[in-house]
Structures are given as structure tokens and as C-alpha cells.
Amino acid sequence: GDTVSFRATDLDIEVVDKAAAMVERAGA
């Protein structure tokens, strides 16, 4: 859509940060 998310973990903590972006092609 118009969002990109960044997910990181050390298996005990997980953080997900979402930000607005111009997405031409969805994917991961």
C-alpha cells in the first residue's frame, strides 16, 4: 500500500516500526 514496516528481533524482544512510503512494487 503506502506503508513500509521494519521488523527486528533478538527472539526475546520484537520491534515493528511502520512508516509512510511511496511503494511502487509491494514485497519483502
mmCIF file of all heavy atoms, coordinates in Angstrom:
data_MODEL
# 
_entry.id   MODEL 
# 
loop_
_atom_site.group_PDB 
_atom_site.id 
_atom_site.type_symbol 
_atom_site.label_atom_id 
_atom_site.label_alt_id 
_atom_site.label_comp_id 
_atom_site.label_asym_id 
_atom_site.label_entity_id 
_atom_site.label_seq_id 
_atom_site.pdbx_PDB_ins_code 
_atom_site.Cartn_x 
_atom_site.Cartn_y 
_atom_site.Cartn_z 
_atom_site.occupancy 
_atom_site.B_iso_or_equiv 
_atom_site.pdbx_formal_charge 
_atom_site.auth_seq_id 
_atom_site.auth_comp_id 
_atom_site.auth_asym_id 
_atom_site.auth_atom_id 
_atom_site.pdbx_PDB_model_num 
ATOM 1   N N   . GLY A 1 1  ? 0.845  -1.201  0.000  1.00 0.00 ? 1  GLY A N   1 
ATOM 2   C CA  . GLY A 1 1  ? 0.000  0.000   0.000  1.00 0.00 ? 1  GLY A CA  1 
ATOM 3   C C   . GLY A 1 1  ? 0.874  1.243   0.000  1.00 0.00 ? 1  GLY A C   1 
ATOM 4   O O   . GLY A 1 1  ? 1.698  1.439   -0.890 1.00 0.00 ? 1  GLY A O   1 
ATOM 5   N N   . ASP A 1 2  ? 0.718  2.094   1.027  1.00 0.00 ? 2  ASP A N   1 
ATOM 6   C CA  . ASP A 1 2  ? 1.566  3.287   1.139  1.00 0.00 ? 2  ASP A CA  1 
ATOM 7   C C   . ASP A 1 2  ? 2.379  3.252   2.428  1.00 0.00 ? 2  ASP A C   1 
ATOM 8   O O   . ASP A 1 2  ? 2.739  4.272   2.998  1.00 0.00 ? 2  ASP A O   1 
ATOM 9   C CB  . ASP A 1 2  ? 0.711  4.562   1.074  1.00 0.00 ? 2  ASP A CB  1 
ATOM 10  C CG  . ASP A 1 2  ? -0.361 4.589   2.153  1.00 0.00 ? 2  ASP A CG  1 
ATOM 11  O OD1 . ASP A 1 2  ? -0.441 3.607   2.938  1.00 0.00 ? 2  ASP A OD1 1 
ATOM 12  O OD2 . ASP A 1 2  ? -1.111 5.581   2.226  1.00 0.00 ? 2  ASP A OD2 1 
ATOM 13  N N   . THR A 1 3  ? 2.639  2.019   2.894  1.00 0.00 ? 3  THR A N   1 
ATOM 14  C CA  . THR A 1 3  ? 3.348  1.840   4.173  1.00 0.00 ? 3  THR A CA  1 
ATOM 15  C C   . THR A 1 3  ? 4.483  0.831   4.029  1.00 0.00 ? 3  THR A C   1 
ATOM 16  O O   . THR A 1 3  ? 4.359  -0.152  3.307  1.00 0.00 ? 3  THR A O   1 
ATOM 17  C CB  . THR A 1 3  ? 2.369  1.335   5.262  1.00 0.00 ? 3  THR A CB  1 
ATOM 18  O OG1 . THR A 1 3  ? 1.272  2.231   5.354  1.00 0.00 ? 3  THR A OG1 1 
ATOM 19  C CG2 . THR A 1 3  ? 3.040  1.237   6.622  1.00 0.00 ? 3  THR A CG2 1 
ATOM 20  N N   . VAL A 1 4  ? 5.571  1.102   4.731  1.00 0.00 ? 4  VAL A N   1 
ATOM 21  C CA  . VAL A 1 4  ? 6.650  0.120   4.822  1.00 0.00 ? 4  VAL A CA  1 
ATOM 22  C C   . VAL A 1 4  ? 6.905  -0.146  6.304  1.00 0.00 ? 4  VAL A C   1 
ATOM 23  O O   . VAL A 1 4  ? 6.874  0.776   7.123  1.00 0.00 ? 4  VAL A O   1 
ATOM 24  C CB  . VAL A 1 4  ? 7.940  0.602   4.112  1.00 0.00 ? 4  VAL A CB  1 
ATOM 25  C CG1 . VAL A 1 4  ? 8.440  1.927   4.680  1.00 0.00 ? 4  VAL A CG1 1 
ATOM 26  C CG2 . VAL A 1 4  ? 9.047  -0.443  4.190  1.00 0.00 ? 4  VAL A CG2 1 
ATOM 27  N N   . SER A 1 5  ? 7.076  -1.424  6.664  1.00 0.00 ? 5  SER A N   1 
ATOM 28  C CA  . SER A 1 5  ? 7.346  -1.749  8.071  1.00 0.00 ? 5  SER A CA  1 
ATOM 29  C C   . SER A 1 5  ? 8.724  -2.379  8.200  1.00 0.00 ? 5  SER A C   1 
ATOM 30  O O   . SER A 1 5  ? 9.178  -3.099  7.304  1.00 0.00 ? 5  SER A O   1 
ATOM 31  C CB  . SER A 1 5  ? 6.268  -2.671  8.652  1.00 0.00 ? 5  SER A CB  1 
ATOM 32  O OG  . SER A 1 5  ? 6.368  -3.953  8.092  1.00 0.00 ? 5  SER A OG  1 
ATOM 33  N N   . PHE A 1 6  ? 9.367  -2.085  9.325  1.00 0.00 ? 6  PHE A N   1 
ATOM 34  C CA  . PHE A 1 6  ? 10.699 -2.606  9.621  1.00 0.00 ? 6  PHE A CA  1 
ATOM 35  C C   . PHE A 1 6  ? 10.586 -3.415  10.911 1.00 0.00 ? 6  PHE A C   1 
ATOM 36  O O   . PHE A 1 6  ? 10.203 -2.887  11.953 1.00 0.00 ? 6  PHE A O   1 
ATOM 37  C CB  . PHE A 1 6  ? 11.701 -1.456  9.798  1.00 0.00 ? 6  PHE A CB  1 
ATOM 38  C CG  . PHE A 1 6  ? 11.838 -0.602  8.566  1.00 0.00 ? 6  PHE A CG  1 
ATOM 39  C CD1 . PHE A 1 6  ? 10.943 0.446   8.318  1.00 0.00 ? 6  PHE A CD1 1 
ATOM 40  C CD2 . PHE A 1 6  ? 12.842 -0.848  7.646  1.00 0.00 ? 6  PHE A CD2 1 
ATOM 41  C CE1 . PHE A 1 6  ? 11.050 1.227   7.173  1.00 0.00 ? 6  PHE A CE1 1 
ATOM 42  C CE2 . PHE A 1 6  ? 12.961 -0.072  6.501  1.00 0.00 ? 6  PHE A CE2 1 
ATOM 43  C CZ  . PHE A 1 6  ? 12.064 0.962   6.261  1.00 0.00 ? 6  PHE A CZ  1 
ATOM 44  N N   . ARG A 1 7  ? 10.931 -4.706  10.822 1.00 0.00 ? 7  ARG A N   1 
ATOM 45  C CA  . ARG A 1 7  ? 10.772 -5.609  11.972 1.00 0.00 ? 7  ARG A CA  1 
ATOM 46  C C   . ARG A 1 7  ? 12.132 -6.190  12.353 1.00 0.00 ? 7  ARG A C   1 
ATOM 47  O O   . ARG A 1 7  ? 12.866 -6.678  11.497 1.00 0.00 ? 7  ARG A O   1 
ATOM 48  C CB  . ARG A 1 7  ? 9.808  -6.734  11.594 1.00 0.00 ? 7  ARG A CB  1 
ATOM 49  C CG  . ARG A 1 7  ? 9.441  -7.681  12.733 1.00 0.00 ? 7  ARG A CG  1 
ATOM 50  C CD  . ARG A 1 7  ? 8.596  -8.842  12.219 1.00 0.00 ? 7  ARG A CD  1 
ATOM 51  N NE  . ARG A 1 7  ? 7.354  -8.406  11.633 1.00 0.00 ? 7  ARG A NE  1 
ATOM 52  C CZ  . ARG A 1 7  ? 6.169  -8.405  12.257 1.00 0.00 ? 7  ARG A CZ  1 
ATOM 53  N NH1 . ARG A 1 7  ? 6.093  -8.818  13.507 1.00 0.00 ? 7  ARG A NH1 1 
ATOM 54  N NH2 . ARG A 1 7  ? 5.080  -7.998  11.636 1.00 0.00 ? 7  ARG A NH2 1 
ATOM 55  N N   . ALA A 1 8  ? 12.482 -6.121  13.645 1.00 0.00 ? 8  ALA A N   1 
ATOM 56  C CA  . ALA A 1 8  ? 13.737 -6.693  14.126 1.00 0.00 ? 8  ALA A CA  1 
ATOM 57  C C   . ALA A 1 8  ? 13.471 -7.448  15.415 1.00 0.00 ? 8  ALA A C   1 
ATOM 58  O O   . ALA A 1 8  ? 12.548 -7.107  16.171 1.00 0.00 ? 8  ALA A O   1 
ATOM 59  C CB  . ALA A 1 8  ? 14.773 -5.596  14.363 1.00 0.00 ? 8  ALA A CB  1 
ATOM 60  N N   . THR A 1 9  ? 14.277 -8.473  15.682 1.00 0.00 ? 9  THR A N   1 
ATOM 61  C CA  . THR A 1 9  ? 14.074 -9.275  16.891 1.00 0.00 ? 9  THR A CA  1 
ATOM 62  C C   . THR A 1 9  ? 15.391 -9.886  17.351 1.00 0.00 ? 9  THR A C   1 
ATOM 63  O O   . THR A 1 9  ? 16.303 -10.091 16.548 1.00 0.00 ? 9  THR A O   1 
ATOM 64  C CB  . THR A 1 9  ? 13.037 -10.406 16.651 1.00 0.00 ? 9  THR A CB  1 
ATOM 65  O OG1 . THR A 1 9  ? 12.791 -11.089 17.883 1.00 0.00 ? 9  THR A OG1 1 
ATOM 66  C CG2 . THR A 1 9  ? 13.534 -11.404 15.608 1.00 0.00 ? 9  THR A CG2 1 
ATOM 67  N N   . ASP A 1 10 ? 15.469 -10.169 18.665 1.00 0.00 ? 10 ASP A N   1 
ATOM 68  C CA  . ASP A 1 10 ? 16.577 -10.970 19.192 1.00 0.00 ? 10 ASP A CA  1 
ATOM 69  C C   . ASP A 1 10 ? 16.020 -12.240 19.834 1.00 0.00 ? 10 ASP A C   1 
ATOM 70  O O   . ASP A 1 10 ? 16.682 -12.889 20.635 1.00 0.00 ? 10 ASP A O   1 
ATOM 71  C CB  . ASP A 1 10 ? 17.405 -10.165 20.200 1.00 0.00 ? 10 ASP A CB  1 
ATOM 72  C CG  . ASP A 1 10 ? 16.613 -9.824  21.466 1.00 0.00 ? 10 ASP A CG  1 
ATOM 73  O OD1 . ASP A 1 10 ? 15.416 -10.171 21.547 1.00 0.00 ? 10 ASP A OD1 1 
ATOM 74  O OD2 . ASP A 1 10 ? 17.200 -9.225  22.399 1.00 0.00 ? 10 ASP A OD2 1 
ATOM 75  N N   . LEU A 1 11 ? 14.783 -12.577 19.478 1.00 0.00 ? 11 LEU A N   1 
ATOM 76  C CA  . LEU A 1 11 ? 13.993 -13.713 19.967 1.00 0.00 ? 11 LEU A CA  1 
ATOM 77  C C   . LEU A 1 11 ? 13.370 -13.463 21.346 1.00 0.00 ? 11 LEU A C   1 
ATOM 78  O O   . LEU A 1 11 ? 12.486 -14.200 21.761 1.00 0.00 ? 11 LEU A O   1 
ATOM 79  C CB  . LEU A 1 11 ? 14.808 -15.022 19.988 1.00 0.00 ? 11 LEU A CB  1 
ATOM 80  C CG  . LEU A 1 11 ? 15.324 -15.495 18.625 1.00 0.00 ? 11 LEU A CG  1 
ATOM 81  C CD1 . LEU A 1 11 ? 16.077 -16.814 18.764 1.00 0.00 ? 11 LEU A CD1 1 
ATOM 82  C CD2 . LEU A 1 11 ? 14.193 -15.644 17.609 1.00 0.00 ? 11 LEU A CD2 1 
ATOM 83  N N   . ASP A 1 12 ? 13.821 -12.423 22.057 1.00 0.00 ? 12 ASP A N   1 
ATOM 84  C CA  . ASP A 1 12 ? 13.195 -12.047 23.331 1.00 0.00 ? 12 ASP A CA  1 
ATOM 85  C C   . ASP A 1 12 ? 12.379 -10.764 23.181 1.00 0.00 ? 12 ASP A C   1 
ATOM 86  O O   . ASP A 1 12 ? 11.368 -10.579 23.847 1.00 0.00 ? 12 ASP A O   1 
ATOM 87  C CB  . ASP A 1 12 ? 14.251 -11.834 24.425 1.00 0.00 ? 12 ASP A CB  1 
ATOM 88  C CG  . ASP A 1 12 ? 14.888 -13.142 24.862 1.00 0.00 ? 12 ASP A CG  1 
ATOM 89  O OD1 . ASP A 1 12 ? 14.167 -14.159 24.912 1.00 0.00 ? 12 ASP A OD1 1 
ATOM 90  O OD2 . ASP A 1 12 ? 16.101 -13.160 25.121 1.00 0.00 ? 12 ASP A OD2 1 
ATOM 91  N N   . ILE A 1 13 ? 12.856 -9.872  22.304 1.00 0.00 ? 13 ILE A N   1 
ATOM 92  C CA  . ILE A 1 13 ? 12.161 -8.613  22.029 1.00 0.00 ? 13 ILE A CA  1 
ATOM 93  C C   . ILE A 1 13 ? 11.919 -8.531  20.526 1.00 0.00 ? 13 ILE A C   1 
ATOM 94  O O   . ILE A 1 13 ? 12.773 -8.942  19.743 1.00 0.00 ? 13 ILE A O   1 
ATOM 95  C CB  . ILE A 1 13 ? 13.009 -7.386  22.431 1.00 0.00 ? 13 ILE A CB  1 
ATOM 96  C CG1 . ILE A 1 13 ? 13.424 -7.450  23.902 1.00 0.00 ? 13 ILE A CG1 1 
ATOM 97  C CG2 . ILE A 1 13 ? 12.270 -6.083  22.165 1.00 0.00 ? 13 ILE A CG2 1 
ATOM 98  C CD1 . ILE A 1 13 ? 14.380 -6.336  24.289 1.00 0.00 ? 13 ILE A CD1 1 
ATOM 99  N N   . GLU A 1 14 ? 10.761 -8.001  20.168 1.00 0.00 ? 14 GLU A N   1 
ATOM 100 C CA  . GLU A 1 14 ? 10.498 -7.736  18.747 1.00 0.00 ? 14 GLU A CA  1 
ATOM 101 C C   . GLU A 1 14 ? 9.973  -6.312  18.623 1.00 0.00 ? 14 GLU A C   1 
ATOM 102 O O   . GLU A 1 14 ? 9.107  -5.894  19.388 1.00 0.00 ? 14 GLU A O   1 
ATOM 103 C CB  . GLU A 1 14 ? 9.461  -8.714  18.199 1.00 0.00 ? 14 GLU A CB  1 
ATOM 104 C CG  . GLU A 1 14 ? 9.107  -8.461  16.743 1.00 0.00 ? 14 GLU A CG  1 
ATOM 105 C CD  . GLU A 1 14 ? 7.961  -9.346  16.260 1.00 0.00 ? 14 GLU A CD  1 
ATOM 106 O OE1 . GLU A 1 14 ? 6.790  -9.019  16.569 1.00 0.00 ? 14 GLU A OE1 1 
ATOM 107 O OE2 . GLU A 1 14 ? 8.241  -10.359 15.604 1.00 0.00 ? 14 GLU A OE2 1 
ATOM 108 N N   . VAL A 1 15 ? 10.537 -5.547  17.675 1.00 0.00 ? 15 VAL A N   1 
ATOM 109 C CA  . VAL A 1 15 ? 10.043 -4.196  17.433 1.00 0.00 ? 15 VAL A CA  1 
ATOM 110 C C   . VAL A 1 15 ? 9.595  -4.096  15.985 1.00 0.00 ? 15 VAL A C   1 
ATOM 111 O O   . VAL A 1 15 ? 10.256 -4.619  15.085 1.00 0.00 ? 15 VAL A O   1 
ATOM 112 C CB  . VAL A 1 15 ? 11.109 -3.125  17.777 1.00 0.00 ? 15 VAL A CB  1 
ATOM 113 C CG1 . VAL A 1 15 ? 12.311 -3.204  16.861 1.00 0.00 ? 15 VAL A CG1 1 
ATOM 114 C CG2 . VAL A 1 15 ? 10.517 -1.734  17.752 1.00 0.00 ? 15 VAL A CG2 1 
ATOM 115 N N   . VAL A 1 16 ? 8.438  -3.489  15.772 1.00 0.00 ? 16 VAL A N   1 
ATOM 116 C CA  . VAL A 1 16 ? 7.918  -3.256  14.419 1.00 0.00 ? 16 VAL A CA  1 
ATOM 117 C C   . VAL A 1 16 ? 7.646  -1.763  14.293 1.00 0.00 ? 16 VAL A C   1 
ATOM 118 O O   . VAL A 1 16 ? 6.888  -1.194  15.070 1.00 0.00 ? 16 VAL A O   1 
ATOM 119 C CB  . VAL A 1 16 ? 6.610  -4.043  14.154 1.00 0.00 ? 16 VAL A CB  1 
ATOM 120 C CG1 . VAL A 1 16 ? 6.160  -3.838  12.723 1.00 0.00 ? 16 VAL A CG1 1 
ATOM 121 C CG2 . VAL A 1 16 ? 6.792  -5.521  14.440 1.00 0.00 ? 16 VAL A CG2 1 
ATOM 122 N N   . ASP A 1 17 ? 8.302  -1.134  13.315 1.00 0.00 ? 17 ASP A N   1 
ATOM 123 C CA  . ASP A 1 17 ? 8.164  0.306   13.104 1.00 0.00 ? 17 ASP A CA  1 
ATOM 124 C C   . ASP A 1 17 ? 7.573  0.541   11.719 1.00 0.00 ? 17 ASP A C   1 
ATOM 125 O O   . ASP A 1 17 ? 8.130  0.090   10.726 1.00 0.00 ? 17 ASP A O   1 
ATOM 126 C CB  . ASP A 1 17 ? 9.546  0.963   13.211 1.00 0.00 ? 17 ASP A CB  1 
ATOM 127 C CG  . ASP A 1 17 ? 9.446  2.442   13.564 1.00 0.00 ? 17 ASP A CG  1 
ATOM 128 O OD1 . ASP A 1 17 ? 8.466  3.063   13.127 1.00 0.00 ? 17 ASP A OD1 1 
ATOM 129 O OD2 . ASP A 1 17 ? 10.334 2.951   14.249 1.00 0.00 ? 17 ASP A OD2 1 
ATOM 130 N N   . LYS A 1 18 ? 6.441  1.225   11.659 1.00 0.00 ? 18 LYS A N   1 
ATOM 131 C CA  . LYS A 1 18 ? 5.784  1.497   10.373 1.00 0.00 ? 18 LYS A CA  1 
ATOM 132 C C   . LYS A 1 18 ? 6.050  2.935   9.948  1.00 0.00 ? 18 LYS A C   1 
ATOM 133 O O   . LYS A 1 18 ? 6.071  3.834   10.789 1.00 0.00 ? 18 LYS A O   1 
ATOM 134 C CB  . LYS A 1 18 ? 4.279  1.269   10.484 1.00 0.00 ? 18 LYS A CB  1 
ATOM 135 C CG  . LYS A 1 18 ? 3.902  -0.187  10.696 1.00 0.00 ? 18 LYS A CG  1 
ATOM 136 C CD  . LYS A 1 18 ? 2.401  -0.354  10.803 1.00 0.00 ? 18 LYS A CD  1 
ATOM 137 C CE  . LYS A 1 18 ? 2.054  -1.826  11.021 1.00 0.00 ? 18 LYS A CE  1 
ATOM 138 N NZ  . LYS A 1 18 ? 0.692  -1.999  11.508 1.00 0.00 ? 18 LYS A NZ  1 
ATOM 139 N N   . ALA A 1 19 ? 6.227  3.127   8.645  1.00 0.00 ? 19 ALA A N   1 
ATOM 140 C CA  . ALA A 1 19 ? 6.478  4.475   8.126  1.00 0.00 ? 19 ALA A CA  1 
ATOM 141 C C   . ALA A 1 19 ? 5.786  4.646   6.785  1.00 0.00 ? 19 ALA A C   1 
ATOM 142 O O   . ALA A 1 19 ? 5.563  3.671   6.048  1.00 0.00 ? 19 ALA A O   1 
ATOM 143 C CB  . ALA A 1 19 ? 7.981  4.702   7.978  1.00 0.00 ? 19 ALA A CB  1 
ATOM 144 N N   . ALA A 1 20 ? 5.444  5.898   6.466  1.00 0.00 ? 20 ALA A N   1 
ATOM 145 C CA  . ALA A 1 20 ? 4.813  6.194   5.174  1.00 0.00 ? 20 ALA A CA  1 
ATOM 146 C C   . ALA A 1 20 ? 5.878  6.140   4.071  1.00 0.00 ? 20 ALA A C   1 
ATOM 147 O O   . ALA A 1 20 ? 7.009  6.599   4.272  1.00 0.00 ? 20 ALA A O   1 
ATOM 148 C CB  . ALA A 1 20 ? 4.167  7.570   5.218  1.00 0.00 ? 20 ALA A CB  1 
ATOM 149 N N   . ALA A 1 21 ? 5.525  5.584   2.929  1.00 0.00 ? 21 ALA A N   1 
ATOM 150 C CA  . ALA A 1 21 ? 6.466  5.486   1.805  1.00 0.00 ? 21 ALA A CA  1 
ATOM 151 C C   . ALA A 1 21 ? 5.685  5.453   0.500  1.00 0.00 ? 21 ALA A C   1 
ATOM 152 O O   . ALA A 1 21 ? 4.485  5.169   0.484  1.00 0.00 ? 21 ALA A O   1 
ATOM 153 C CB  . ALA A 1 21 ? 7.324  4.231   1.949  1.00 0.00 ? 21 ALA A CB  1 
ATOM 154 N N   . MET A 1 22 ? 6.381  5.750   -0.597 1.00 0.00 ? 22 MET A N   1 
ATOM 155 C CA  . MET A 1 22 ? 5.781  5.604   -1.932 1.00 0.00 ? 22 MET A CA  1 
ATOM 156 C C   . MET A 1 22 ? 6.171  4.227   -2.450 1.00 0.00 ? 22 MET A C   1 
ATOM 157 O O   . MET A 1 22 ? 7.314  4.009   -2.875 1.00 0.00 ? 22 MET A O   1 
ATOM 158 C CB  . MET A 1 22 ? 6.290  6.709   -2.861 1.00 0.00 ? 22 MET A CB  1 
ATOM 159 C CG  . MET A 1 22 ? 5.779  8.084   -2.484 1.00 0.00 ? 22 MET A CG  1 
ATOM 160 S SD  . MET A 1 22 ? 6.626  9.407   -3.378 1.00 0.00 ? 22 MET A SD  1 
ATOM 161 C CE  . MET A 1 22 ? 8.146  9.557   -2.452 1.00 0.00 ? 22 MET A CE  1 
ATOM 162 N N   . VAL A 1 23 ? 5.232  3.288   -2.380 1.00 0.00 ? 23 VAL A N   1 
ATOM 163 C CA  . VAL A 1 23 ? 5.519  1.898   -2.755 1.00 0.00 ? 23 VAL A CA  1 
ATOM 164 C C   . VAL A 1 23 ? 5.131  1.674   -4.217 1.00 0.00 ? 23 VAL A C   1 
ATOM 165 O O   . VAL A 1 23 ? 3.962  1.734   -4.576 1.00 0.00 ? 23 VAL A O   1 
ATOM 166 C CB  . VAL A 1 23 ? 4.771  0.910   -1.825 1.00 0.00 ? 23 VAL A CB  1 
ATOM 167 C CG1 . VAL A 1 23 ? 5.060  -0.532  -2.238 1.00 0.00 ? 23 VAL A CG1 1 
ATOM 168 C CG2 . VAL A 1 23 ? 5.148  1.146   -0.369 1.00 0.00 ? 23 VAL A CG2 1 
ATOM 169 N N   . GLU A 1 24 ? 6.128  1.421   -5.057 1.00 0.00 ? 24 GLU A N   1 
ATOM 170 C CA  . GLU A 1 24 ? 5.861  1.115   -6.478 1.00 0.00 ? 24 GLU A CA  1 
ATOM 171 C C   . GLU A 1 24 ? 5.543  -0.359  -6.663 1.00 0.00 ? 24 GLU A C   1 
ATOM 172 O O   . GLU A 1 24 ? 4.710  -0.729  -7.481 1.00 0.00 ? 24 GLU A O   1 
ATOM 173 C CB  . GLU A 1 24 ? 7.092  1.468   -7.331 1.00 0.00 ? 24 GLU A CB  1 
ATOM 174 C CG  . GLU A 1 24 ? 7.229  2.949   -7.638 1.00 0.00 ? 24 GLU A CG  1 
ATOM 175 C CD  . GLU A 1 24 ? 8.424  3.196   -8.546 1.00 0.00 ? 24 GLU A CD  1 
ATOM 176 O OE1 . GLU A 1 24 ? 8.536  2.507   -9.583 1.00 0.00 ? 24 GLU A OE1 1 
ATOM 177 O OE2 . GLU A 1 24 ? 9.246  4.065   -8.197 1.00 0.00 ? 24 GLU A OE2 1 
ATOM 178 N N   . ARG A 1 25 ? 6.274  -1.197  -5.916 1.00 0.00 ? 25 ARG A N   1 
ATOM 179 C CA  . ARG A 1 25 ? 6.063  -2.636  -6.055 1.00 0.00 ? 25 ARG A CA  1 
ATOM 180 C C   . ARG A 1 25 ? 6.119  -3.242  -4.659 1.00 0.00 ? 25 ARG A C   1 
ATOM 181 O O   . ARG A 1 25 ? 7.129  -3.116  -3.954 1.00 0.00 ? 25 ARG A O   1 
ATOM 182 C CB  . ARG A 1 25 ? 7.169  -3.226  -6.939 1.00 0.00 ? 25 ARG A CB  1 
ATOM 183 C CG  . ARG A 1 25 ? 6.883  -4.623  -7.447 1.00 0.00 ? 25 ARG A CG  1 
ATOM 184 C CD  . ARG A 1 25 ? 7.823  -5.042  -8.582 1.00 0.00 ? 25 ARG A CD  1 
ATOM 185 N NE  . ARG A 1 25 ? 9.233  -5.057  -8.187 1.00 0.00 ? 25 ARG A NE  1 
ATOM 186 C CZ  . ARG A 1 25 ? 10.154 -4.287  -8.723 1.00 0.00 ? 25 ARG A CZ  1 
ATOM 187 N NH1 . ARG A 1 25 ? 9.853  -3.404  -9.654 1.00 0.00 ? 25 ARG A NH1 1 
ATOM 188 N NH2 . ARG A 1 25 ? 11.414 -4.372  -8.334 1.00 0.00 ? 25 ARG A NH2 1 
ATOM 189 N N   . ALA A 1 26 ? 5.013  -3.858  -4.224 1.00 0.00 ? 26 ALA A N   1 
ATOM 190 C CA  . ALA A 1 26 ? 4.955  -4.463  -2.887 1.00 0.00 ? 26 ALA A CA  1 
ATOM 191 C C   . ALA A 1 26 ? 5.907  -5.658  -2.815 1.00 0.00 ? 26 ALA A C   1 
ATOM 192 O O   . ALA A 1 26 ? 6.254  -6.255  -3.835 1.00 0.00 ? 26 ALA A O   1 
ATOM 193 C CB  . ALA A 1 26 ? 3.532  -4.904  -2.567 1.00 0.00 ? 26 ALA A CB  1 
ATOM 194 N N   . GLY A 1 27 ? 6.319  -5.979  -1.592 1.00 0.00 ? 27 GLY A N   1 
ATOM 195 C CA  . GLY A 1 27 ? 7.210  -7.130  -1.422 1.00 0.00 ? 27 GLY A CA  1 
ATOM 196 C C   . GLY A 1 27 ? 7.886  -7.078  -0.072 1.00 0.00 ? 27 GLY A C   1 
ATOM 197 O O   . GLY A 1 27 ? 7.587  -6.216  0.762  1.00 0.00 ? 27 GLY A O   1 
ATOM 198 N N   . ALA A 1 28 ? 8.811  -8.025  0.155  1.00 0.00 ? 28 ALA A N   1 
ATOM 199 C CA  . ALA A 1 28 ? 9.505  -8.086  1.445  1.00 0.00 ? 28 ALA A CA  1 
ATOM 200 C C   . ALA A 1 28 ? 10.872 -8.725  1.270  1.00 0.00 ? 28 ALA A C   1 
ATOM 201 O O   . ALA A 1 28 ? 11.071 -9.566  0.396  1.00 0.00 ? 28 ALA A O   1 
ATOM 202 C CB  . ALA A 1 28 ? 8.684  -8.890  2.448  1.00 0.00 ? 28 ALA A CB  1 
# 
